[in-house]
Structures are given as C-alpha cells and as structure tokens.
Amino acid sequence: MTDDLPFLRGVLHRTADRETSPPSLAEIGLNHFAPYLINRIAANWNTELAGELRRFNLTTPQMRALAVLGINSGLTINEISMLSVIEQSTMSRTLDLLEERGLVRRKPRASDLRVREVEITAEGRETFSTFWPVMLAHYQRMFRGIGEDEYAQFITTLQKILRNIRLGDEDLKLSLSPGGEEGEE
C-alpha cells in the first residue's frame, strides 16, 4: 500500500501491505495530513491579510487580481480567475469595482476583438505597491526560521503537487472523454 507513497511509511503507525486496508486518517493524523495543513495555512494567511486589506480599501479578490495583473497584465477574466483562485463570477464583479476605481481597464484583444483583456493601470500598480510591503512582511514572518535550501525544497514540492493535480485532472478528462476508456482502441 505504501510502495507508491514511501513518504507515508514514516508517518503511519503501521506498515501497510497489499493485504492491509489503506491507512485511515486517524493513522496518518491531522498534523501529518498535507491537505489539512495547507488549508490551515491558507485560512490563516487569508484572515491576517483581510484585516490589513481593509486599511487599504481592498478586498482579498481585489488584491489577488491586482497582484496577478501586476505580473501579467492583459489577461482575460477567466485567466485572472484561475491564477487568483477566485470564482469567475466573483472575479467579474471584482473587476467591475476595480475598473470603477480606475485600477484596471478592459479592452478588446488585438488578435480577437471578441475577447476582452484586463490591464492594470498606473493607479492600480501604485495601489498594490502600497500594500505589497505589508504582504511581504506577513510572508517573511510565515517563513521565519526556514533556511533557503528548505524553502527551495518546499517550493519544489508544492510545484510537484500542483503538477500531479494537473496530471490527475488530465487523466480524469481522458477517462471521461468518448473513446478514452481503458481497454478501448
């Protein structure tokens, strides 16, 4: 059972084999269950930043949109939504508010006039840059006592997890597509 997941051997109270049931959540334990820890970290991060954002007249979706657009201006609503991990309908309303404030603008994409791109304005960049030091301070505090090598390995591991999730999504799409079932040729 743990042959494919050798890292679980050190976490579990028993060694699972092919005849043993999969490990239970109780055997793994919440403090060793990565999705639980990731959710706790994300919830704490979001709660701390939400309080700080109010001082800057920003919401979490607005800050995320400005952050994404500050790096990649000229994206569609769907692209911003995906990169900011905000539902498309929420992102659409968020961009409406940011546009009213003059922090972003929408324009037709040159290569396809049906597609609207969202660009960050100079005022939008300035707004995010005034919040960035607060965000960076929280980020640095979160990684206090963690060395560069440990941090680099952590980021590499997270990127591998994201890749595995994307590959799993692709596998699911293939298995659900017509003719994509195993055994068919």
Protein backbone atom coordinates (compact mmCIF):
# COMPACT_ATOMS: atom_id res chain seq x y z
CA MET A 1 0.00 0.00 0.00
CA THR A 2 2.83 2.46 0.76
CA ASP A 3 5.10 1.23 -2.05
CA ASP A 4 3.80 4.02 -4.29
CA LEU A 5 3.92 6.54 -1.42
CA PRO A 6 7.11 5.81 0.53
CA PHE A 7 6.86 9.06 2.49
CA LEU A 8 3.84 7.61 4.31
CA ARG A 9 5.94 4.85 5.90
CA GLY A 10 7.42 7.32 8.37
CA VAL A 11 4.04 8.88 9.13
CA LEU A 12 1.90 5.82 9.74
CA HIS A 13 1.75 3.73 12.90
CA ARG A 14 1.79 0.55 10.85
CA THR A 15 3.30 -0.57 7.61
CA ALA A 16 0.54 -1.24 5.12
CA ASP A 17 0.90 -4.03 2.61
CA ARG A 18 -1.18 -5.25 -0.28
CA GLU A 19 -3.47 -7.26 2.02
CA THR A 20 -3.99 -4.46 4.51
CA SER A 21 -6.62 -1.78 4.16
CA PRO A 22 -5.45 1.70 3.21
CA PRO A 23 -4.30 3.83 6.13
CA SER A 24 -7.04 5.73 7.92
CA LEU A 25 -6.96 9.48 8.54
CA ALA A 26 -6.57 8.70 12.24
CA GLU A 27 -3.44 6.67 11.47
CA ILE A 28 -1.96 9.45 9.37
CA GLY A 29 -3.06 12.14 11.84
CA LEU A 30 -4.21 15.66 11.04
CA ASN A 31 -0.77 17.13 11.77
CA HIS A 32 0.70 14.90 9.06
CA PHE A 33 -2.16 15.22 6.55
CA ALA A 34 -0.94 17.75 3.97
CA PRO A 35 -4.35 18.99 2.73
CA TYR A 36 -5.35 19.83 6.31
CA LEU A 37 -2.10 21.70 6.94
CA ILE A 38 -2.34 23.55 3.60
CA ASN A 39 -5.91 24.63 4.43
CA ARG A 40 -4.88 25.86 7.90
CA ILE A 41 -2.00 27.86 6.43
CA ALA A 42 -4.20 29.35 3.68
CA ALA A 43 -7.01 30.21 6.11
CA ASN A 44 -4.58 31.91 8.49
CA TRP A 45 -2.91 33.79 5.62
CA ASN A 46 -6.26 34.98 4.24
CA THR A 47 -7.58 36.03 7.66
CA GLU A 48 -4.46 38.03 8.52
CA LEU A 49 -4.34 39.76 5.15
CA ALA A 50 -8.08 40.50 5.09
CA GLY A 51 -7.69 42.64 8.20
CA GLU A 52 -4.76 44.52 6.68
CA LEU A 53 -6.52 44.94 3.32
CA ARG A 54 -9.38 46.90 4.90
CA ARG A 55 -6.91 49.65 5.80
CA PHE A 56 -6.11 49.95 2.07
CA ASN A 57 -9.76 49.81 0.96
CA LEU A 58 -9.16 46.46 -0.76
CA THR A 59 -10.77 43.04 -0.58
CA THR A 60 -8.94 39.73 -0.97
CA PRO A 61 -10.23 39.19 -4.54
CA GLN A 62 -9.22 42.77 -5.47
CA MET A 63 -5.72 42.30 -4.03
CA ARG A 64 -5.31 38.99 -5.84
CA ALA A 65 -6.48 40.47 -9.14
CA LEU A 66 -4.07 43.41 -8.80
CA ALA A 67 -1.23 41.04 -7.85
CA VAL A 68 -1.85 38.80 -10.87
CA LEU A 69 -2.26 41.74 -13.25
CA GLY A 70 0.84 43.41 -11.82
CA ILE A 71 2.81 40.43 -13.09
CA ASN A 72 0.76 39.55 -16.21
CA SER A 73 -1.31 42.45 -17.47
CA GLY A 74 -3.62 41.84 -20.42
CA LEU A 75 -5.32 38.65 -19.23
CA THR A 76 -8.91 37.54 -19.67
CA ILE A 77 -11.31 37.30 -16.73
CA ASN A 78 -11.06 33.50 -16.86
CA GLU A 79 -7.25 33.63 -16.76
CA ILE A 80 -7.26 36.07 -13.84
CA SER A 81 -9.84 33.93 -12.07
CA MET A 82 -7.73 30.79 -12.46
CA LEU A 83 -4.47 32.42 -11.40
CA SER A 84 -6.01 34.22 -8.42
CA VAL A 85 -8.01 31.16 -7.30
CA ILE A 86 -11.25 33.16 -7.30
CA GLU A 87 -14.51 32.00 -8.91
CA GLN A 88 -15.15 33.59 -12.30
CA SER A 89 -18.41 35.26 -11.23
CA THR A 90 -16.73 36.80 -8.17
CA MET A 91 -13.78 37.91 -10.29
CA SER A 92 -16.09 39.55 -12.83
CA ARG A 93 -17.75 41.65 -10.07
CA THR A 94 -14.34 42.36 -8.55
CA LEU A 95 -13.01 43.68 -11.86
CA ASP A 96 -16.12 45.85 -12.27
CA LEU A 97 -15.31 47.52 -8.93
CA LEU A 98 -11.60 47.86 -9.74
CA GLU A 99 -12.48 49.40 -13.10
CA GLU A 100 -14.84 51.90 -11.42
CA ARG A 101 -11.94 52.91 -9.16
CA GLY A 102 -9.62 53.31 -12.17
CA LEU A 103 -7.30 50.49 -11.04
CA VAL A 104 -7.85 48.31 -14.11
CA ARG A 105 -9.24 48.79 -17.62
CA ARG A 106 -10.75 46.38 -20.12
CA LYS A 107 -10.04 46.49 -23.82
CA PRO A 108 -10.59 44.25 -26.83
CA ARG A 109 -7.74 41.84 -27.58
CA ALA A 110 -5.99 42.96 -30.78
CA SER A 111 -5.93 39.45 -32.25
CA ASP A 112 -9.61 38.74 -31.46
CA LEU A 113 -11.94 41.68 -30.81
CA ARG A 114 -14.49 39.37 -29.15
CA VAL A 115 -12.06 38.73 -26.29
CA ARG A 116 -11.70 41.37 -23.56
CA GLU A 117 -8.34 41.77 -21.86
CA VAL A 118 -7.92 43.35 -18.45
CA GLU A 119 -4.93 45.60 -17.86
CA ILE A 120 -3.71 47.11 -14.63
CA THR A 121 -3.46 50.91 -14.67
CA ALA A 122 -0.68 53.02 -13.18
CA GLU A 123 -3.02 53.75 -10.25
CA GLY A 124 -3.65 50.02 -9.86
CA ARG A 125 0.09 49.34 -9.73
CA GLU A 126 0.51 52.10 -7.16
CA THR A 127 -2.33 50.75 -5.03
CA PHE A 128 -0.82 47.26 -5.00
CA SER A 129 2.68 48.59 -4.37
CA THR A 130 1.46 50.40 -1.23
CA PHE A 131 0.05 47.10 0.08
CA TRP A 132 2.96 44.91 -1.01
CA PRO A 133 5.25 45.73 1.97
CA VAL A 134 2.51 44.55 4.36
CA MET A 135 2.02 41.37 2.36
CA LEU A 136 5.78 40.75 2.16
CA ALA A 137 6.14 41.21 5.93
CA HIS A 138 3.49 38.53 6.53
CA TYR A 139 5.21 36.28 4.01
CA GLN A 140 8.60 36.70 5.65
CA ARG A 141 7.14 36.08 9.11
CA MET A 142 5.47 32.90 7.84
CA PHE A 143 8.87 31.56 6.73
CA ARG A 144 10.84 32.76 9.75
CA GLY A 145 13.45 30.18 10.79
CA ILE A 146 13.28 28.35 7.45
CA GLY A 147 16.54 28.29 5.50
CA GLU A 148 16.98 28.93 1.80
CA ASP A 149 17.50 25.23 0.99
CA GLU A 150 14.44 24.22 3.00
CA TYR A 151 12.38 26.94 1.32
CA ALA A 152 13.58 25.92 -2.16
CA GLN A 153 12.70 22.26 -1.47
CA PHE A 154 9.28 23.30 -0.12
CA ILE A 155 8.51 25.30 -3.28
CA THR A 156 9.75 22.43 -5.47
CA THR A 157 7.49 20.02 -3.58
CA LEU A 158 4.47 22.31 -3.91
CA GLN A 159 5.11 22.66 -7.65
CA LYS A 160 5.30 18.86 -7.98
CA ILE A 161 1.99 18.55 -6.11
CA LEU A 162 0.38 21.09 -8.46
CA ARG A 163 1.77 19.20 -11.46
CA ASN A 164 0.36 15.94 -10.07
CA ILE A 165 -3.03 17.59 -9.62
CA ARG A 166 -2.97 18.90 -13.20
CA LEU A 167 -1.94 15.47 -14.50
CA GLY A 168 -4.75 13.92 -12.45
CA ASP A 169 -7.19 16.40 -13.98
CA GLU A 170 -5.94 15.47 -17.46
CA ASP A 171 -6.23 11.75 -16.67
CA LEU A 172 -9.81 12.31 -15.50
CA LYS A 173 -10.68 14.26 -18.66
CA LEU A 174 -9.22 11.49 -20.82
CA SER A 175 -11.09 8.77 -18.95
CA LEU A 176 -14.38 10.69 -19.31
CA SER A 177 -13.93 11.52 -22.99
CA PRO A 178 -15.57 9.33 -25.65
CA GLY A 179 -13.19 6.56 -26.59
CA GLY A 180 -10.93 7.46 -23.66
CA GLU A 181 -11.84 4.49 -21.51
CA GLU A 182 -9.17 1.98 -20.75
CA GLY A 183 -9.18 -1.06 -22.93
CA GLU A 184 -10.68 0.70 -25.96
CA GLU A 185 -8.62 1.29 -29.05
